[in-house]
Amino acid sequence: MRQWTPEERQRQSELIRQWQPWKQSTGPRTVAGKAVCAQNVVVGQQRRERELEQARAELAAAQQRIRKLTRKKASVTDWELLAKALDF
């Protein structure tokens, strides 16, 4: 995915405001086009499910690090290690 610089983003924003493509948009006109557009929600749901699964995996890994660090008797240094493990 392209990484836009702030200057590029500003220039593109100005160009789009002049161009105003939303005024020319008609949406899908054919049955095939409407079918493609109907799938947009499916693609979005799949992306959200992947993001949720990744977040769950990260949470499980963090919980495992917490369990590993808290097995021994807690002390001040253990809490510092815990914060490091969780990237605080």
N, C-alpha and C. Protein backbone atom coordinates (compact mmCIF):
# COMPACT_ATOMS: atom_id res chain seq x y z
N MET A 1 0.84 -1.18 0.00
CA MET A 1 0.00 0.00 0.00
C MET A 1 0.89 1.25 0.00
N ARG A 2 0.48 2.23 -0.75
CA ARG A 2 1.28 3.44 -0.88
C ARG A 2 1.27 4.24 0.42
N GLN A 3 2.43 4.80 0.76
CA GLN A 3 2.56 5.67 1.93
C GLN A 3 2.64 7.11 1.43
N TRP A 4 1.61 7.89 1.67
CA TRP A 4 1.55 9.27 1.21
C TRP A 4 2.26 10.18 2.20
N THR A 5 3.02 11.13 1.68
CA THR A 5 3.62 12.15 2.54
C THR A 5 2.54 13.18 2.84
N PRO A 6 2.69 13.96 3.89
CA PRO A 6 1.68 15.00 4.18
C PRO A 6 1.49 15.98 3.02
N GLU A 7 2.58 16.30 2.32
CA GLU A 7 2.48 17.23 1.20
C GLU A 7 1.68 16.61 0.05
N GLU A 8 1.95 15.33 -0.25
CA GLU A 8 1.21 14.64 -1.30
C GLU A 8 -0.28 14.54 -0.95
N ARG A 9 -0.53 14.26 0.31
CA ARG A 9 -1.91 14.13 0.79
C ARG A 9 -2.66 15.47 0.64
N GLN A 10 -1.98 16.56 0.99
CA GLN A 10 -2.58 17.89 0.87
C GLN A 10 -2.87 18.23 -0.59
N ARG A 11 -1.89 17.97 -1.46
CA ARG A 11 -2.05 18.27 -2.90
C ARG A 11 -3.20 17.44 -3.48
N GLN A 12 -3.25 16.15 -3.15
CA GLN A 12 -4.31 15.29 -3.67
C GLN A 12 -5.67 15.77 -3.16
N SER A 13 -5.73 16.19 -1.92
CA SER A 13 -6.97 16.69 -1.34
C SER A 13 -7.47 17.91 -2.12
N GLU A 14 -6.56 18.82 -2.43
CA GLU A 14 -6.94 20.01 -3.19
C GLU A 14 -7.42 19.64 -4.60
N LEU A 15 -6.71 18.71 -5.24
CA LEU A 15 -7.11 18.30 -6.59
C LEU A 15 -8.49 17.65 -6.59
N ILE A 16 -8.75 16.81 -5.64
CA ILE A 16 -10.04 16.12 -5.57
C ILE A 16 -11.16 17.11 -5.29
N ARG A 17 -10.90 18.09 -4.45
CA ARG A 17 -11.93 19.10 -4.17
C ARG A 17 -12.26 19.91 -5.43
N GLN A 18 -11.27 20.16 -6.29
CA GLN A 18 -11.52 20.86 -7.54
C GLN A 18 -12.26 19.96 -8.53
N TRP A 19 -11.87 18.72 -8.58
CA TRP A 19 -12.40 17.75 -9.53
C TRP A 19 -13.84 17.34 -9.18
N GLN A 20 -14.11 17.14 -7.90
CA GLN A 20 -15.40 16.76 -7.34
C GLN A 20 -15.99 15.52 -8.03
N PRO A 21 -15.29 14.39 -7.95
CA PRO A 21 -15.78 13.18 -8.63
C PRO A 21 -17.11 12.67 -8.09
N TRP A 22 -17.45 13.01 -6.87
CA TRP A 22 -18.71 12.52 -6.30
C TRP A 22 -19.93 13.09 -7.04
N LYS A 23 -19.75 14.21 -7.74
CA LYS A 23 -20.86 14.79 -8.50
C LYS A 23 -21.11 14.03 -9.81
N GLN A 24 -20.11 13.27 -10.26
CA GLN A 24 -20.23 12.54 -11.52
C GLN A 24 -20.58 11.07 -11.30
N SER A 25 -20.58 10.63 -10.05
CA SER A 25 -20.80 9.22 -9.76
C SER A 25 -22.25 8.83 -10.03
N THR A 26 -22.42 7.70 -10.69
CA THR A 26 -23.77 7.21 -10.99
C THR A 26 -24.06 5.89 -10.27
N GLY A 27 -23.01 5.27 -9.74
CA GLY A 27 -23.20 3.96 -9.14
C GLY A 27 -23.30 2.89 -10.21
N PRO A 28 -23.47 1.66 -9.81
CA PRO A 28 -23.55 0.58 -10.79
C PRO A 28 -24.86 0.67 -11.58
N ARG A 29 -24.74 0.41 -12.89
CA ARG A 29 -25.93 0.48 -13.75
C ARG A 29 -26.36 -0.89 -14.27
N THR A 30 -25.40 -1.80 -14.41
CA THR A 30 -25.74 -3.11 -14.95
C THR A 30 -25.97 -4.10 -13.82
N VAL A 31 -26.59 -5.21 -14.14
CA VAL A 31 -26.81 -6.26 -13.17
C VAL A 31 -25.46 -6.78 -12.65
N ALA A 32 -24.50 -6.94 -13.57
CA ALA A 32 -23.17 -7.43 -13.17
C ALA A 32 -22.50 -6.44 -12.24
N GLY A 33 -22.60 -5.14 -12.55
CA GLY A 33 -22.00 -4.12 -11.70
C GLY A 33 -22.63 -4.09 -10.32
N LYS A 34 -23.94 -4.25 -10.28
CA LYS A 34 -24.64 -4.27 -8.99
C LYS A 34 -24.24 -5.49 -8.17
N ALA A 35 -24.00 -6.61 -8.84
CA ALA A 35 -23.57 -7.83 -8.14
C ALA A 35 -22.18 -7.63 -7.53
N VAL A 36 -21.29 -6.96 -8.27
CA VAL A 36 -19.95 -6.69 -7.75
C VAL A 36 -20.04 -5.79 -6.52
N CYS A 37 -20.85 -4.75 -6.61
CA CYS A 37 -20.99 -3.81 -5.49
C CYS A 37 -21.60 -4.50 -4.26
N ALA A 38 -22.49 -5.43 -4.50
CA ALA A 38 -23.11 -6.15 -3.39
C ALA A 38 -22.08 -6.96 -2.61
N GLN A 39 -20.97 -7.31 -3.25
CA GLN A 39 -19.93 -8.10 -2.59
C GLN A 39 -19.01 -7.23 -1.73
N ASN A 40 -19.09 -5.92 -1.86
CA ASN A 40 -18.23 -5.04 -1.08
C ASN A 40 -18.38 -5.28 0.41
N VAL A 41 -19.59 -5.52 0.86
CA VAL A 41 -19.83 -5.76 2.27
C VAL A 41 -19.14 -7.05 2.72
N VAL A 42 -19.12 -8.06 1.86
CA VAL A 42 -18.48 -9.33 2.19
C VAL A 42 -16.98 -9.13 2.37
N VAL A 43 -16.37 -8.37 1.46
CA VAL A 43 -14.94 -8.11 1.54
C VAL A 43 -14.62 -7.36 2.83
N GLY A 44 -15.45 -6.38 3.17
CA GLY A 44 -15.24 -5.62 4.41
C GLY A 44 -15.37 -6.50 5.64
N GLN A 45 -16.34 -7.39 5.63
CA GLN A 45 -16.52 -8.29 6.76
C GLN A 45 -15.32 -9.23 6.91
N GLN A 46 -14.82 -9.72 5.78
CA GLN A 46 -13.66 -10.62 5.84
C GLN A 46 -12.45 -9.89 6.41
N ARG A 47 -12.25 -8.64 6.00
CA ARG A 47 -11.12 -7.86 6.52
C ARG A 47 -11.26 -7.66 8.02
N ARG A 48 -12.47 -7.30 8.47
CA ARG A 48 -12.69 -7.09 9.90
C ARG A 48 -12.48 -8.38 10.69
N GLU A 49 -12.91 -9.52 10.13
CA GLU A 49 -12.70 -10.81 10.80
C GLU A 49 -11.22 -11.14 10.93
N ARG A 50 -10.44 -10.84 9.87
CA ARG A 50 -8.98 -11.08 9.94
C ARG A 50 -8.35 -10.19 11.01
N GLU A 51 -8.77 -8.91 11.06
CA GLU A 51 -8.23 -7.99 12.06
C GLU A 51 -8.60 -8.45 13.47
N LEU A 52 -9.82 -8.93 13.64
CA LEU A 52 -10.26 -9.41 14.94
C LEU A 52 -9.47 -10.64 15.36
N GLU A 53 -9.25 -11.56 14.42
CA GLU A 53 -8.47 -12.76 14.72
C GLU A 53 -7.04 -12.40 15.10
N GLN A 54 -6.46 -11.42 14.42
CA GLN A 54 -5.10 -10.98 14.74
C GLN A 54 -5.07 -10.36 16.14
N ALA A 55 -6.07 -9.56 16.47
CA ALA A 55 -6.14 -8.95 17.80
C ALA A 55 -6.28 -10.02 18.88
N ARG A 56 -7.09 -11.04 18.59
CA ARG A 56 -7.25 -12.14 19.56
C ARG A 56 -5.94 -12.89 19.77
N ALA A 57 -5.19 -13.10 18.69
CA ALA A 57 -3.89 -13.78 18.80
C ALA A 57 -2.91 -12.94 19.60
N GLU A 58 -2.90 -11.64 19.37
CA GLU A 58 -2.01 -10.75 20.13
C GLU A 58 -2.39 -10.75 21.60
N LEU A 59 -3.69 -10.75 21.89
CA LEU A 59 -4.15 -10.78 23.28
C LEU A 59 -3.74 -12.08 23.95
N ALA A 60 -3.91 -13.20 23.25
CA ALA A 60 -3.52 -14.49 23.82
C ALA A 60 -2.02 -14.53 24.10
N ALA A 61 -1.22 -13.97 23.20
CA ALA A 61 0.23 -13.94 23.42
C ALA A 61 0.57 -13.06 24.62
N ALA A 62 -0.10 -11.93 24.76
CA ALA A 62 0.14 -11.05 25.90
C ALA A 62 -0.27 -11.73 27.20
N GLN A 63 -1.41 -12.44 27.18
CA GLN A 63 -1.85 -13.14 28.38
C GLN A 63 -0.85 -14.24 28.76
N GLN A 64 -0.31 -14.91 27.76
CA GLN A 64 0.69 -15.94 28.03
C GLN A 64 1.94 -15.33 28.67
N ARG A 65 2.38 -14.17 28.14
CA ARG A 65 3.55 -13.49 28.72
C ARG A 65 3.26 -13.08 30.16
N ILE A 66 2.05 -12.63 30.43
CA ILE A 66 1.67 -12.24 31.79
C ILE A 66 1.73 -13.45 32.71
N ARG A 67 1.14 -14.58 32.26
CA ARG A 67 1.17 -15.78 33.10
C ARG A 67 2.61 -16.22 33.37
N LYS A 68 3.45 -16.15 32.36
CA LYS A 68 4.84 -16.58 32.51
C LYS A 68 5.57 -15.66 33.49
N LEU A 69 5.32 -14.36 33.40
CA LEU A 69 6.02 -13.42 34.27
C LEU A 69 5.47 -13.40 35.69
N THR A 70 4.22 -13.78 35.88
CA THR A 70 3.63 -13.73 37.21
C THR A 70 3.67 -15.07 37.93
N ARG A 71 4.30 -16.08 37.37
CA ARG A 71 4.41 -17.38 38.05
C ARG A 71 5.25 -17.28 39.31
N LYS A 72 6.32 -16.50 39.22
CA LYS A 72 7.14 -16.34 40.42
C LYS A 72 6.56 -15.25 41.30
N LYS A 73 7.10 -15.11 42.48
CA LYS A 73 6.60 -14.13 43.43
C LYS A 73 6.76 -12.72 42.84
N ALA A 74 5.69 -11.97 42.87
CA ALA A 74 5.72 -10.63 42.29
C ALA A 74 6.57 -9.69 43.11
N SER A 75 7.38 -8.93 42.42
CA SER A 75 8.17 -7.87 43.06
C SER A 75 8.13 -6.66 42.14
N VAL A 76 8.76 -5.59 42.55
CA VAL A 76 8.76 -4.38 41.75
C VAL A 76 9.38 -4.64 40.38
N THR A 77 10.48 -5.39 40.34
CA THR A 77 11.13 -5.65 39.05
C THR A 77 10.26 -6.52 38.16
N ASP A 78 9.47 -7.43 38.77
CA ASP A 78 8.58 -8.26 37.96
C ASP A 78 7.54 -7.40 37.27
N TRP A 79 7.04 -6.38 37.95
CA TRP A 79 6.05 -5.50 37.34
C TRP A 79 6.69 -4.69 36.21
N GLU A 80 7.95 -4.34 36.36
CA GLU A 80 8.65 -3.64 35.29
C GLU A 80 8.81 -4.55 34.08
N LEU A 81 9.14 -5.83 34.32
CA LEU A 81 9.25 -6.79 33.24
C LEU A 81 7.90 -7.00 32.55
N LEU A 82 6.85 -7.03 33.37
CA LEU A 82 5.51 -7.19 32.81
C LEU A 82 5.17 -6.03 31.89
N ALA A 83 5.48 -4.83 32.32
CA ALA A 83 5.20 -3.66 31.48
C ALA A 83 5.99 -3.73 30.19
N LYS A 84 7.24 -4.19 30.26
CA LYS A 84 8.06 -4.33 29.04
C LYS A 84 7.46 -5.39 28.12
N ALA A 85 7.01 -6.49 28.69
CA ALA A 85 6.45 -7.57 27.87
C ALA A 85 5.19 -7.11 27.14
N LEU A 86 4.46 -6.21 27.75
CA LEU A 86 3.24 -5.71 27.13
C LEU A 86 3.48 -4.44 26.32
N ASP A 87 4.74 -4.06 26.19
CA ASP A 87 5.13 -2.88 25.42
C ASP A 87 4.52 -1.60 25.93
N PHE A 88 4.51 -1.44 27.25
CA PHE A 88 4.02 -0.18 27.84
C PHE A 88 5.17 0.77 28.02
